[in-house]
Amino acid sequence: MSPRVASPGAASEQKVRAAFRRHGGVLRMADALRAGVHRRTLYAMRDAGQLETLARGLYRLTDADPPSNPDLLTVAAKVPHAVVYLISALAFHEMTTQVPHEVWLGVPRNSEPPRLDYPPVRVVRLSPGPYGAGIETHQLDGVRVQVYSREKSLADCFKHRNEIGLDTVLEAVRMYKAQGRVDADAILRYASVCRVTRVARPYLEALL
């Protein structure tokens, strides 16, 4: 006969739920401990089916609304210095028909590599200029997610055109134009940061 899992007390459970609600239903173990939640209470709620594990040290209330993009939430919570990059950024901005099978991340060149059991990630190490340019912060289900802007993402596409294919780059430019908010000067500024101005300019002049 398996041992019975002890349920957390009502007061402790209420405290945990309040902490999770303040963070959109998703919370890291470290943040929960800082909020005064005991580790045993988290484990008890997990074992009772009230919390689910998204990744090591990352939990979600099971009765919270389903996250809109659980992979990005997991990455943002576990690797806060990473920025959603390239194909994943294009997908976020609805500038590609591709469905990323891994989360592309831009990280500082000398940073520690992300350690994630899930989701699969593809990490690109960037020098300070390309890493720091064009970062936007979005709130997804209460979690702060960093994503490169539409214009920076186009410059990144030209930088990696041989890896992702020129068809993907040109599709992104056309979908960007179709969204109706075109800033060619910003794209060229980021292209300069990424050292692809000569490559990008003829395509931008032809398509935008």
N, C-alpha and C. Protein backbone atom coordinates (compact mmCIF):
# COMPACT_ATOMS: atom_id res chain seq x y z
N MET A 1 0.86 -1.19 0.00
CA MET A 1 0.00 0.00 0.00
C MET A 1 0.90 1.23 0.00
N SER A 2 0.68 2.14 -0.96
CA SER A 2 1.55 3.31 -1.07
C SER A 2 1.22 4.31 0.03
N PRO A 3 2.25 5.04 0.51
CA PRO A 3 2.01 6.02 1.58
C PRO A 3 1.10 7.13 1.09
N ARG A 4 0.27 7.62 1.95
CA ARG A 4 -0.67 8.69 1.61
C ARG A 4 0.06 10.01 1.60
N VAL A 5 -0.19 10.81 0.57
CA VAL A 5 0.43 12.12 0.46
C VAL A 5 -0.31 13.10 1.35
N ALA A 6 0.43 13.80 2.20
CA ALA A 6 -0.19 14.76 3.10
C ALA A 6 -0.62 16.00 2.31
N SER A 7 -1.84 16.46 2.55
CA SER A 7 -2.32 17.66 1.88
C SER A 7 -1.83 18.88 2.65
N PRO A 8 -1.50 19.97 1.95
CA PRO A 8 -1.08 21.18 2.64
C PRO A 8 -2.24 21.78 3.41
N GLY A 9 -1.93 22.47 4.49
CA GLY A 9 -2.97 23.13 5.24
C GLY A 9 -3.65 24.20 4.42
N ALA A 10 -4.88 24.53 4.81
CA ALA A 10 -5.66 25.51 4.04
C ALA A 10 -4.95 26.85 3.97
N ALA A 11 -4.36 27.30 5.08
CA ALA A 11 -3.68 28.60 5.09
C ALA A 11 -2.47 28.58 4.17
N SER A 12 -1.68 27.48 4.25
CA SER A 12 -0.50 27.38 3.39
C SER A 12 -0.89 27.33 1.93
N GLU A 13 -1.93 26.56 1.62
CA GLU A 13 -2.39 26.44 0.23
C GLU A 13 -2.86 27.80 -0.29
N GLN A 14 -3.58 28.53 0.55
CA GLN A 14 -4.06 29.85 0.13
C GLN A 14 -2.89 30.78 -0.16
N LYS A 15 -1.86 30.71 0.66
CA LYS A 15 -0.66 31.53 0.46
C LYS A 15 0.03 31.18 -0.86
N VAL A 16 0.13 29.88 -1.13
CA VAL A 16 0.75 29.44 -2.39
C VAL A 16 -0.06 29.92 -3.58
N ARG A 17 -1.36 29.73 -3.52
CA ARG A 17 -2.21 30.13 -4.64
C ARG A 17 -2.13 31.64 -4.89
N ALA A 18 -2.06 32.42 -3.83
CA ALA A 18 -1.95 33.87 -3.99
C ALA A 18 -0.64 34.23 -4.68
N ALA A 19 0.44 33.55 -4.27
CA ALA A 19 1.74 33.81 -4.90
C ALA A 19 1.71 33.45 -6.38
N PHE A 20 1.11 32.31 -6.70
CA PHE A 20 1.02 31.90 -8.11
C PHE A 20 0.14 32.87 -8.91
N ARG A 21 -0.97 33.29 -8.34
CA ARG A 21 -1.88 34.19 -9.06
C ARG A 21 -1.19 35.51 -9.40
N ARG A 22 -0.33 35.97 -8.50
CA ARG A 22 0.39 37.23 -8.76
C ARG A 22 1.34 37.08 -9.94
N HIS A 23 1.69 35.84 -10.29
CA HIS A 23 2.63 35.60 -11.39
C HIS A 23 1.94 34.88 -12.56
N GLY A 24 0.64 35.08 -12.69
CA GLY A 24 -0.06 34.50 -13.83
C GLY A 24 -0.24 33.00 -13.77
N GLY A 25 -0.10 32.41 -12.59
CA GLY A 25 -0.31 30.98 -12.43
C GLY A 25 0.94 30.14 -12.60
N VAL A 26 2.06 30.78 -12.96
CA VAL A 26 3.33 30.08 -13.17
C VAL A 26 4.37 30.69 -12.24
N LEU A 27 5.15 29.84 -11.56
CA LEU A 27 6.09 30.37 -10.57
C LEU A 27 7.31 29.45 -10.47
N ARG A 28 8.48 30.09 -10.34
CA ARG A 28 9.70 29.33 -10.09
C ARG A 28 9.81 29.01 -8.60
N MET A 29 10.45 27.90 -8.32
CA MET A 29 10.68 27.51 -6.93
C MET A 29 11.37 28.63 -6.16
N ALA A 30 12.41 29.24 -6.78
CA ALA A 30 13.16 30.29 -6.09
C ALA A 30 12.26 31.47 -5.73
N ASP A 31 11.35 31.84 -6.65
CA ASP A 31 10.45 32.97 -6.37
C ASP A 31 9.44 32.60 -5.29
N ALA A 32 8.99 31.35 -5.31
CA ALA A 32 8.05 30.91 -4.29
C ALA A 32 8.69 30.95 -2.90
N LEU A 33 9.95 30.51 -2.81
CA LEU A 33 10.65 30.53 -1.52
C LEU A 33 10.83 31.96 -1.03
N ARG A 34 11.15 32.88 -1.99
CA ARG A 34 11.30 34.29 -1.60
C ARG A 34 9.98 34.88 -1.12
N ALA A 35 8.86 34.34 -1.62
CA ALA A 35 7.55 34.82 -1.20
C ALA A 35 7.11 34.22 0.13
N GLY A 36 7.98 33.39 0.73
CA GLY A 36 7.68 32.82 2.03
C GLY A 36 6.95 31.48 1.98
N VAL A 37 6.89 30.88 0.79
CA VAL A 37 6.24 29.57 0.64
C VAL A 37 7.26 28.48 0.98
N HIS A 38 6.87 27.52 1.79
CA HIS A 38 7.80 26.46 2.17
C HIS A 38 7.90 25.43 1.06
N ARG A 39 9.09 24.89 0.86
CA ARG A 39 9.33 23.89 -0.16
C ARG A 39 8.41 22.67 0.02
N ARG A 40 8.19 22.25 1.28
CA ARG A 40 7.35 21.08 1.54
C ARG A 40 5.91 21.32 1.07
N THR A 41 5.45 22.56 1.20
CA THR A 41 4.09 22.88 0.77
C THR A 41 3.96 22.74 -0.75
N LEU A 42 4.97 23.22 -1.48
CA LEU A 42 4.95 23.07 -2.93
C LEU A 42 4.93 21.60 -3.33
N TYR A 43 5.79 20.80 -2.69
CA TYR A 43 5.86 19.38 -3.03
C TYR A 43 4.54 18.68 -2.71
N ALA A 44 3.94 19.03 -1.58
CA ALA A 44 2.68 18.41 -1.21
C ALA A 44 1.57 18.76 -2.21
N MET A 45 1.53 20.03 -2.63
CA MET A 45 0.51 20.43 -3.61
C MET A 45 0.78 19.78 -4.96
N ARG A 46 2.05 19.63 -5.30
CA ARG A 46 2.38 18.93 -6.55
C ARG A 46 1.91 17.49 -6.49
N ASP A 47 2.22 16.81 -5.39
CA ASP A 47 1.87 15.40 -5.27
C ASP A 47 0.35 15.20 -5.16
N ALA A 48 -0.35 16.24 -4.71
CA ALA A 48 -1.81 16.17 -4.62
C ALA A 48 -2.49 16.57 -5.93
N GLY A 49 -1.68 16.90 -6.95
CA GLY A 49 -2.24 17.25 -8.25
C GLY A 49 -2.70 18.68 -8.39
N GLN A 50 -2.35 19.53 -7.41
CA GLN A 50 -2.76 20.93 -7.49
C GLN A 50 -1.76 21.80 -8.24
N LEU A 51 -0.52 21.28 -8.38
CA LEU A 51 0.51 21.96 -9.17
C LEU A 51 1.05 20.96 -10.19
N GLU A 52 1.43 21.46 -11.35
CA GLU A 52 2.12 20.63 -12.33
C GLU A 52 3.50 21.20 -12.58
N THR A 53 4.44 20.33 -12.89
CA THR A 53 5.81 20.73 -13.15
C THR A 53 5.98 21.02 -14.64
N LEU A 54 6.32 22.27 -14.99
CA LEU A 54 6.60 22.62 -16.38
C LEU A 54 8.04 22.30 -16.75
N ALA A 55 8.94 22.51 -15.81
CA ALA A 55 10.36 22.20 -15.97
C ALA A 55 10.92 22.10 -14.56
N ARG A 56 12.16 21.69 -14.46
CA ARG A 56 12.76 21.56 -13.13
C ARG A 56 12.74 22.89 -12.41
N GLY A 57 12.06 22.93 -11.26
CA GLY A 57 11.99 24.16 -10.48
C GLY A 57 10.98 25.17 -10.98
N LEU A 58 10.08 24.75 -11.89
CA LEU A 58 9.07 25.67 -12.45
C LEU A 58 7.72 24.98 -12.38
N TYR A 59 6.75 25.65 -11.73
CA TYR A 59 5.45 25.03 -11.47
C TYR A 59 4.31 25.91 -11.96
N ARG A 60 3.17 25.25 -12.17
CA ARG A 60 1.97 25.94 -12.64
C ARG A 60 0.76 25.40 -11.89
N LEU A 61 -0.15 26.29 -11.50
CA LEU A 61 -1.41 25.85 -10.91
C LEU A 61 -2.19 25.05 -11.95
N THR A 62 -2.64 23.87 -11.58
CA THR A 62 -3.34 23.04 -12.55
C THR A 62 -4.70 23.61 -12.95
N ASP A 63 -5.30 24.42 -12.09
CA ASP A 63 -6.61 24.98 -12.44
C ASP A 63 -6.50 26.39 -13.02
N ALA A 64 -5.28 26.84 -13.31
CA ALA A 64 -5.11 28.14 -13.97
C ALA A 64 -5.43 28.00 -15.45
N ASP A 65 -5.71 29.11 -16.09
CA ASP A 65 -5.96 29.07 -17.53
C ASP A 65 -4.73 28.53 -18.25
N PRO A 66 -4.92 27.71 -19.29
CA PRO A 66 -3.76 27.16 -20.01
C PRO A 66 -2.88 28.29 -20.55
N PRO A 67 -1.56 28.18 -20.42
CA PRO A 67 -0.68 29.22 -20.92
C PRO A 67 -0.76 29.33 -22.44
N SER A 68 -0.64 30.56 -22.96
CA SER A 68 -0.75 30.79 -24.40
C SER A 68 0.45 30.25 -25.15
N ASN A 69 1.62 30.28 -24.53
CA ASN A 69 2.82 29.76 -25.18
C ASN A 69 3.71 29.15 -24.10
N PRO A 70 3.43 27.91 -23.70
CA PRO A 70 4.16 27.33 -22.56
C PRO A 70 5.65 27.22 -22.77
N ASP A 71 6.11 26.99 -24.01
CA ASP A 71 7.55 26.87 -24.25
C ASP A 71 8.26 28.18 -23.96
N LEU A 72 7.70 29.29 -24.44
CA LEU A 72 8.32 30.59 -24.19
C LEU A 72 8.27 30.94 -22.71
N LEU A 73 7.17 30.59 -22.04
CA LEU A 73 7.06 30.87 -20.60
C LEU A 73 8.15 30.10 -19.84
N THR A 74 8.33 28.85 -20.20
CA THR A 74 9.34 28.04 -19.51
C THR A 74 10.73 28.60 -19.71
N VAL A 75 11.05 28.94 -20.95
CA VAL A 75 12.38 29.47 -21.24
C VAL A 75 12.60 30.79 -20.53
N ALA A 76 11.61 31.67 -20.58
CA ALA A 76 11.76 32.99 -19.95
C ALA A 76 11.95 32.87 -18.44
N ALA A 77 11.23 31.94 -17.82
CA ALA A 77 11.33 31.79 -16.37
C ALA A 77 12.65 31.15 -15.97
N LYS A 78 13.16 30.23 -16.80
CA LYS A 78 14.38 29.51 -16.44
C LYS A 78 15.65 30.20 -16.91
N VAL A 79 15.57 30.96 -18.01
CA VAL A 79 16.75 31.62 -18.58
C VAL A 79 16.42 33.10 -18.81
N PRO A 80 16.33 33.90 -17.74
CA PRO A 80 15.83 35.27 -17.87
C PRO A 80 16.70 36.18 -18.74
N HIS A 81 17.98 35.85 -18.95
CA HIS A 81 18.83 36.70 -19.78
C HIS A 81 18.72 36.36 -21.26
N ALA A 82 18.03 35.28 -21.61
CA ALA A 82 17.89 34.89 -23.00
C ALA A 82 16.81 35.73 -23.69
N VAL A 83 16.98 35.92 -25.00
CA VAL A 83 16.03 36.68 -25.80
C VAL A 83 15.53 35.78 -26.93
N VAL A 84 14.22 35.72 -27.11
CA VAL A 84 13.65 34.91 -28.19
C VAL A 84 14.17 35.44 -29.52
N TYR A 85 14.68 34.55 -30.35
CA TYR A 85 15.55 34.92 -31.47
C TYR A 85 15.12 34.25 -32.77
N LEU A 86 15.41 34.88 -33.87
CA LEU A 86 15.34 34.35 -35.22
C LEU A 86 13.98 33.69 -35.52
N ILE A 87 13.93 32.39 -35.84
CA ILE A 87 12.67 31.77 -36.26
C ILE A 87 11.61 31.88 -35.17
N SER A 88 12.01 31.70 -33.91
CA SER A 88 11.03 31.81 -32.82
C SER A 88 10.51 33.23 -32.68
N ALA A 89 11.37 34.23 -32.91
CA ALA A 89 10.92 35.62 -32.88
C ALA A 89 10.00 35.91 -34.06
N LEU A 90 10.33 35.37 -35.23
CA LEU A 90 9.45 35.54 -36.39
C LEU A 90 8.07 34.94 -36.10
N ALA A 91 8.05 33.75 -35.50
CA ALA A 91 6.76 33.12 -35.18
C ALA A 91 5.99 33.96 -34.17
N PHE A 92 6.68 34.49 -33.17
CA PHE A 92 6.02 35.34 -32.17
C PHE A 92 5.37 36.55 -32.84
N HIS A 93 6.08 37.14 -33.80
CA HIS A 93 5.58 38.34 -34.48
C HIS A 93 4.70 38.02 -35.69
N GLU A 94 4.41 36.74 -35.91
CA GLU A 94 3.59 36.28 -37.04
C GLU A 94 4.18 36.73 -38.37
N MET A 95 5.49 36.46 -38.54
CA MET A 95 6.21 36.83 -39.75
C MET A 95 6.82 35.61 -40.43
N THR A 96 6.27 34.43 -40.16
CA THR A 96 6.73 33.23 -40.82
C THR A 96 5.61 32.20 -40.80
N THR A 97 5.63 31.31 -41.79
CA THR A 97 4.69 30.19 -41.79
C THR A 97 5.32 28.95 -41.17
N GLN A 98 6.58 29.05 -40.79
CA GLN A 98 7.25 27.92 -40.15
C GLN A 98 6.78 27.75 -38.71
N VAL A 99 6.75 26.51 -38.27
CA VAL A 99 6.44 26.20 -36.87
C VAL A 99 7.73 25.73 -36.22
N PRO A 100 8.33 26.54 -35.36
CA PRO A 100 9.61 26.15 -34.75
C PRO A 100 9.47 24.88 -33.91
N HIS A 101 10.39 23.95 -34.11
CA HIS A 101 10.39 22.73 -33.31
C HIS A 101 11.34 22.84 -32.12
N GLU A 102 11.96 23.99 -31.99
CA GLU A 102 12.81 24.30 -30.85
C GLU A 102 12.75 25.81 -30.65
N VAL A 103 13.05 26.26 -29.46
CA VAL A 103 13.02 27.69 -29.17
C VAL A 103 14.41 28.26 -29.45
N TRP A 104 14.46 29.18 -30.41
CA TRP A 104 15.71 29.87 -30.72
C TRP A 104 15.94 30.96 -29.68
N LEU A 105 17.15 31.02 -29.14
CA LEU A 105 17.48 32.00 -28.11
C LEU A 105 18.78 32.71 -28.46
N GLY A 106 18.80 34.01 -28.25
CA GLY A 106 20.03 34.78 -28.30
C GLY A 106 20.51 35.03 -26.88
N VAL A 107 21.79 34.76 -26.62
CA VAL A 107 22.35 34.96 -25.29
C VAL A 107 23.69 35.67 -25.44
N PRO A 108 24.16 36.35 -24.39
CA PRO A 108 25.50 36.96 -24.45
C PRO A 108 26.57 35.91 -24.71
N ARG A 109 27.58 36.31 -25.41
CA ARG A 109 28.61 35.37 -25.86
C ARG A 109 29.25 34.60 -24.71
N ASN A 110 29.49 35.25 -23.57
CA ASN A 110 30.21 34.60 -22.47
C ASN A 110 29.29 34.09 -21.36
N SER A 111 28.00 33.99 -21.63
CA SER A 111 27.07 33.56 -20.58
C SER A 111 27.09 32.05 -20.43
N GLU A 112 26.58 31.59 -19.28
CA GLU A 112 26.46 30.16 -19.04
C GLU A 112 25.42 29.56 -19.98
N PRO A 113 25.67 28.36 -20.51
CA PRO A 113 24.68 27.74 -21.40
C PRO A 113 23.40 27.40 -20.64
N PRO A 114 22.23 27.60 -21.25
CA PRO A 114 20.98 27.23 -20.57
C PRO A 114 20.93 25.74 -20.28
N ARG A 115 20.40 25.39 -19.12
CA ARG A 115 20.24 23.99 -18.75
C ARG A 115 18.75 23.71 -18.61
N LEU A 116 18.19 23.13 -19.64
CA LEU A 116 16.76 22.86 -19.67
C LEU A 116 16.52 21.42 -20.08
N ASP A 117 15.63 20.75 -19.35
CA ASP A 117 15.19 19.42 -19.78
C ASP A 117 14.18 19.55 -20.92
N TYR A 118 13.39 20.60 -20.88
CA TYR A 118 12.37 20.84 -21.90
C TYR A 118 11.98 22.32 -21.80
N PRO A 119 11.67 22.99 -22.90
CA PRO A 119 11.62 22.53 -24.29
C PRO A 119 13.01 22.49 -24.93
N PRO A 120 13.13 21.86 -26.11
CA PRO A 120 14.42 21.91 -26.82
C PRO A 120 14.72 23.35 -27.25
N VAL A 121 15.97 23.74 -27.13
CA VAL A 121 16.35 25.11 -27.49
C VAL A 121 17.54 25.08 -28.44
N ARG A 122 17.64 26.12 -29.25
CA ARG A 122 18.83 26.33 -30.07
C ARG A 122 19.40 27.68 -29.65
N VAL A 123 20.60 27.66 -29.14
CA VAL A 123 21.21 28.85 -28.56
C VAL A 123 22.21 29.46 -29.53
N VAL A 124 22.09 30.77 -29.75
CA VAL A 124 23.04 31.51 -30.58
C VAL A 124 23.73 32.52 -29.67
N ARG A 125 25.05 32.44 -29.60
CA ARG A 125 25.82 33.35 -28.75
C ARG A 125 26.12 34.62 -29.54
N LEU A 126 25.85 35.75 -28.93
CA LEU A 126 25.95 37.03 -29.61
C LEU A 126 26.92 37.96 -28.90
N SER A 127 27.62 38.76 -29.69
CA SER A 127 28.47 39.81 -29.12
C SER A 127 27.58 40.91 -28.56
N PRO A 128 28.14 41.80 -27.74
CA PRO A 128 27.30 42.78 -27.02
C PRO A 128 26.39 43.62 -27.92
N GLY A 129 26.89 44.08 -29.07
CA GLY A 129 26.05 44.92 -29.94
C GLY A 129 24.81 44.20 -30.43
N PRO A 130 24.96 43.08 -31.15
CA PRO A 130 23.78 42.35 -31.62
C PRO A 130 22.89 41.81 -30.50
N TYR A 131 23.51 41.45 -29.37
CA TYR A 131 22.68 40.93 -28.27
C TYR A 131 21.79 42.03 -27.70
N GLY A 132 22.34 43.20 -27.47
CA GLY A 132 21.59 44.24 -26.75
C GLY A 132 20.64 45.06 -27.61
N ALA A 133 20.70 44.91 -28.93
CA ALA A 133 19.91 45.77 -29.82
C ALA A 133 18.52 45.17 -30.06
N GLY A 134 17.51 46.03 -29.95
CA GLY A 134 16.16 45.64 -30.37
C GLY A 134 15.41 44.71 -29.45
N ILE A 135 15.76 44.68 -28.17
CA ILE A 135 15.05 43.80 -27.23
C ILE A 135 13.74 44.44 -26.81
N GLU A 136 12.66 43.69 -26.94
CA GLU A 136 11.36 44.11 -26.43
C GLU A 136 10.98 43.20 -25.26
N THR A 137 10.21 43.74 -24.32
CA THR A 137 9.72 42.95 -23.20
C THR A 137 8.21 42.82 -23.30
N HIS A 138 7.74 41.59 -23.29
CA HIS A 138 6.31 41.30 -23.37
C HIS A 138 5.89 40.52 -22.12
N GLN A 139 4.66 40.72 -21.70
CA GLN A 139 4.09 39.96 -20.60
C GLN A 139 3.19 38.88 -21.16
N LEU A 140 3.58 37.62 -20.97
CA LEU A 140 2.77 36.49 -21.41
C LEU A 140 2.29 35.74 -20.17
N ASP A 141 0.98 35.80 -19.93
CA ASP A 141 0.41 35.10 -18.78
C ASP A 141 1.13 35.48 -17.49
N GLY A 142 1.51 36.77 -17.37
CA GLY A 142 2.15 37.26 -16.16
C GLY A 142 3.64 37.03 -16.09
N VAL A 143 4.23 36.41 -17.11
CA VAL A 143 5.66 36.15 -17.14
C VAL A 143 6.33 37.11 -18.12
N ARG A 144 7.45 37.70 -17.69
CA ARG A 144 8.19 38.64 -18.51
C ARG A 144 9.02 37.87 -19.54
N VAL A 145 8.75 38.11 -20.82
CA VAL A 145 9.43 37.41 -21.91
C VAL A 145 10.14 38.44 -22.79
N GLN A 146 11.43 38.23 -23.03
CA GLN A 146 12.20 39.11 -23.90
C GLN A 146 12.21 38.54 -25.32
N VAL A 147 11.89 39.40 -26.28
CA VAL A 147 11.82 39.01 -27.68
C VAL A 147 12.47 40.11 -28.52
N TYR A 148 13.23 39.73 -29.52
CA TYR A 148 13.77 40.75 -30.43
C TYR A 148 12.64 41.33 -31.27
N SER A 149 12.73 42.62 -31.54
CA SER A 149 11.69 43.33 -32.29
C SER A 149 11.58 42.79 -33.71
N ARG A 150 10.52 43.19 -34.39
CA ARG A 150 10.32 42.75 -35.78
C ARG A 150 11.48 43.19 -36.66
N GLU A 151 11.89 44.45 -36.51
CA GLU A 151 12.96 44.97 -37.36
C GLU A 151 14.30 44.30 -37.06
N LYS A 152 14.61 44.10 -35.78
CA LYS A 152 15.85 43.41 -35.43
C LYS A 152 15.82 41.97 -35.92
N SER A 153 14.67 41.34 -35.86
CA SER A 153 14.55 39.96 -36.31
C SER A 153 14.82 39.84 -37.81
N LEU A 154 14.40 40.84 -38.59
CA LEU A 154 14.70 40.81 -40.02
C LEU A 154 16.21 40.91 -40.25
N ALA A 155 16.86 41.79 -39.51
CA ALA A 155 18.32 41.89 -39.63
C ALA A 155 18.98 40.57 -39.25
N ASP A 156 18.49 39.92 -38.20
CA ASP A 156 19.03 38.63 -37.80
C ASP A 156 18.83 37.59 -38.90
N CYS A 157 17.70 37.67 -39.59
CA CYS A 157 17.44 36.73 -40.69
C CYS A 157 18.48 36.88 -41.80
N PHE A 158 18.78 38.11 -42.16
CA PHE A 158 19.81 38.32 -43.19
C PHE A 158 21.16 37.81 -42.70
N LYS A 159 21.42 37.97 -41.40
CA LYS A 159 22.68 37.48 -40.85
C LYS A 159 22.79 35.97 -40.99
N HIS A 160 21.68 35.27 -40.81
CA HIS A 160 21.67 33.80 -40.81
C HIS A 160 21.01 33.24 -42.08
N ARG A 161 21.02 34.01 -43.17
CA ARG A 161 20.32 33.61 -44.39
C ARG A 161 20.79 32.25 -44.92
N ASN A 162 22.08 31.95 -44.78
CA ASN A 162 22.58 30.68 -45.29
C ASN A 162 22.10 29.50 -44.44
N GLU A 163 21.80 29.77 -43.18
CA GLU A 163 21.35 28.70 -42.27
C GLU A 163 19.85 28.45 -42.40
N ILE A 164 19.07 29.53 -42.48
CA ILE A 164 17.61 29.36 -42.50
C ILE A 164 17.04 29.37 -43.90
N GLY A 165 17.82 29.80 -44.89
CA GLY A 165 17.35 29.83 -46.27
C GLY A 165 16.82 31.19 -46.65
N LEU A 166 17.19 31.64 -47.86
CA LEU A 166 16.77 32.96 -48.30
C LEU A 166 15.25 33.04 -48.47
N ASP A 167 14.60 31.92 -48.81
CA ASP A 167 13.14 31.93 -48.94
C ASP A 167 12.48 32.33 -47.62
N THR A 168 13.02 31.84 -46.51
CA THR A 168 12.47 32.20 -45.20
C THR A 168 12.65 33.68 -44.92
N VAL A 169 13.81 34.22 -45.30
CA VAL A 169 14.09 35.64 -45.09
C VAL A 169 13.11 36.49 -45.90
N LEU A 170 12.94 36.17 -47.17
CA LEU A 170 12.07 36.97 -48.03
C LEU A 170 10.61 36.86 -47.61
N GLU A 171 10.20 35.67 -47.16
CA GLU A 171 8.84 35.52 -46.64
C GLU A 171 8.64 36.44 -45.43
N ALA A 172 9.64 36.50 -44.55
CA ALA A 172 9.53 37.35 -43.36
C ALA A 172 9.40 38.81 -43.75
N VAL A 173 10.17 39.26 -44.74
CA VAL A 173 10.09 40.66 -45.19
C VAL A 173 8.71 40.94 -45.75
N ARG A 174 8.17 40.03 -46.55
CA ARG A 174 6.84 40.26 -47.15
C ARG A 174 5.75 40.27 -46.09
N MET A 175 5.83 39.36 -45.12
CA MET A 175 4.83 39.33 -44.06
C MET A 175 4.95 40.56 -43.17
N TYR A 176 6.18 41.01 -42.95
CA TYR A 176 6.39 42.26 -42.20
C TYR A 176 5.70 43.41 -42.91
N LYS A 177 5.90 43.52 -44.22
CA LYS A 177 5.28 44.61 -44.99
C LYS A 177 3.76 44.52 -44.92
N ALA A 178 3.24 43.30 -45.01
CA ALA A 178 1.79 43.11 -45.00
C ALA A 178 1.15 43.55 -43.69
N GLN A 179 1.93 43.57 -42.61
CA GLN A 179 1.39 44.01 -41.33
C GLN A 179 1.16 45.52 -41.29
N GLY A 180 1.77 46.25 -42.23
CA GLY A 180 1.45 47.66 -42.40
C GLY A 180 2.19 48.63 -41.51
N ARG A 181 3.17 48.17 -40.75
CA ARG A 181 3.95 49.08 -39.90
C ARG A 181 5.41 48.93 -40.29
N VAL A 182 5.80 49.64 -41.35
CA VAL A 182 7.12 49.46 -41.93
C VAL A 182 8.07 50.55 -41.45
N ASP A 183 9.24 50.16 -40.98
CA ASP A 183 10.28 51.10 -40.56
C ASP A 183 11.60 50.63 -41.16
N ALA A 184 11.81 50.97 -42.43
CA ALA A 184 13.00 50.52 -43.15
C ALA A 184 14.27 51.06 -42.52
N ASP A 185 14.21 52.28 -41.99
CA ASP A 185 15.40 52.87 -41.35
C ASP A 185 15.83 52.04 -40.15
N ALA A 186 14.87 51.57 -39.36
CA ALA A 186 15.20 50.75 -38.19
C ALA A 186 15.82 49.42 -38.62
N ILE A 187 15.28 48.83 -39.67
CA ILE A 187 15.85 47.56 -40.15
C ILE A 187 17.30 47.77 -40.56
N LEU A 188 17.56 48.87 -41.27
CA LEU A 188 18.94 49.13 -41.72
C LEU A 188 19.86 49.44 -40.55
N ARG A 189 19.35 50.09 -39.51
CA ARG A 189 20.18 50.33 -38.32
C ARG A 189 20.59 49.00 -37.69
N TYR A 190 19.63 48.10 -37.56
CA TYR A 190 19.96 46.80 -36.98
C TYR A 190 20.84 45.98 -37.93
N ALA A 191 20.62 46.14 -39.23
CA ALA A 191 21.47 45.45 -40.20
C ALA A 191 22.92 45.92 -40.06
N SER A 192 23.09 47.21 -39.77
CA SER A 192 24.44 47.73 -39.55
C SER A 192 25.06 47.11 -38.31
N VAL A 193 24.27 46.99 -37.23
CA VAL A 193 24.76 46.36 -36.01
C VAL A 193 25.19 44.91 -36.27
N CYS A 194 24.41 44.23 -37.13
CA CYS A 194 24.70 42.83 -37.46
C CYS A 194 25.65 42.68 -38.64
N ARG A 195 26.09 43.81 -39.19
CA ARG A 195 27.05 43.83 -40.30
C ARG A 195 26.54 43.12 -41.55
N VAL A 196 25.28 43.39 -41.87
CA VAL A 196 24.70 42.80 -43.09
C VAL A 196 24.00 43.86 -43.94
N THR A 197 24.41 45.13 -43.80
CA THR A 197 23.75 46.20 -44.53
C THR A 197 23.83 45.98 -46.04
N ARG A 198 25.00 45.63 -46.55
CA ARG A 198 25.15 45.44 -47.99
C ARG A 198 24.26 44.32 -48.52
N VAL A 199 24.11 43.29 -47.72
CA VAL A 199 23.26 42.18 -48.13
C VAL A 199 21.79 42.57 -48.08
N ALA A 200 21.38 43.22 -47.00
CA ALA A 200 19.97 43.49 -46.76
C ALA A 200 19.41 44.60 -47.64
N ARG A 201 20.18 45.65 -47.90
CA ARG A 201 19.65 46.84 -48.55
C ARG A 201 18.97 46.55 -49.89
N PRO A 202 19.58 45.80 -50.81
CA PRO A 202 18.91 45.57 -52.12
C PRO A 202 17.56 44.88 -51.97
N TYR A 203 17.45 43.92 -51.07
CA TYR A 203 16.18 43.22 -50.87
C TYR A 203 15.13 44.15 -50.25
N LEU A 204 15.55 44.94 -49.30
CA LEU A 204 14.62 45.86 -48.65
C LEU A 204 14.12 46.91 -49.63
N GLU A 205 15.02 47.43 -50.47
CA GLU A 205 14.61 48.43 -51.46
C GLU A 205 13.66 47.83 -52.48
N ALA A 206 13.84 46.55 -52.81
CA ALA A 206 12.97 45.91 -53.79
C ALA A 206 11.61 45.50 -53.22
N LEU A 207 11.60 45.10 -51.94
CA LEU A 207 10.38 44.53 -51.37
C LEU A 207 9.57 45.50 -50.52
N LEU A 208 10.23 46.52 -49.97
CA LEU A 208 9.51 47.47 -49.11
C LEU A 208 9.21 48.78 -49.83
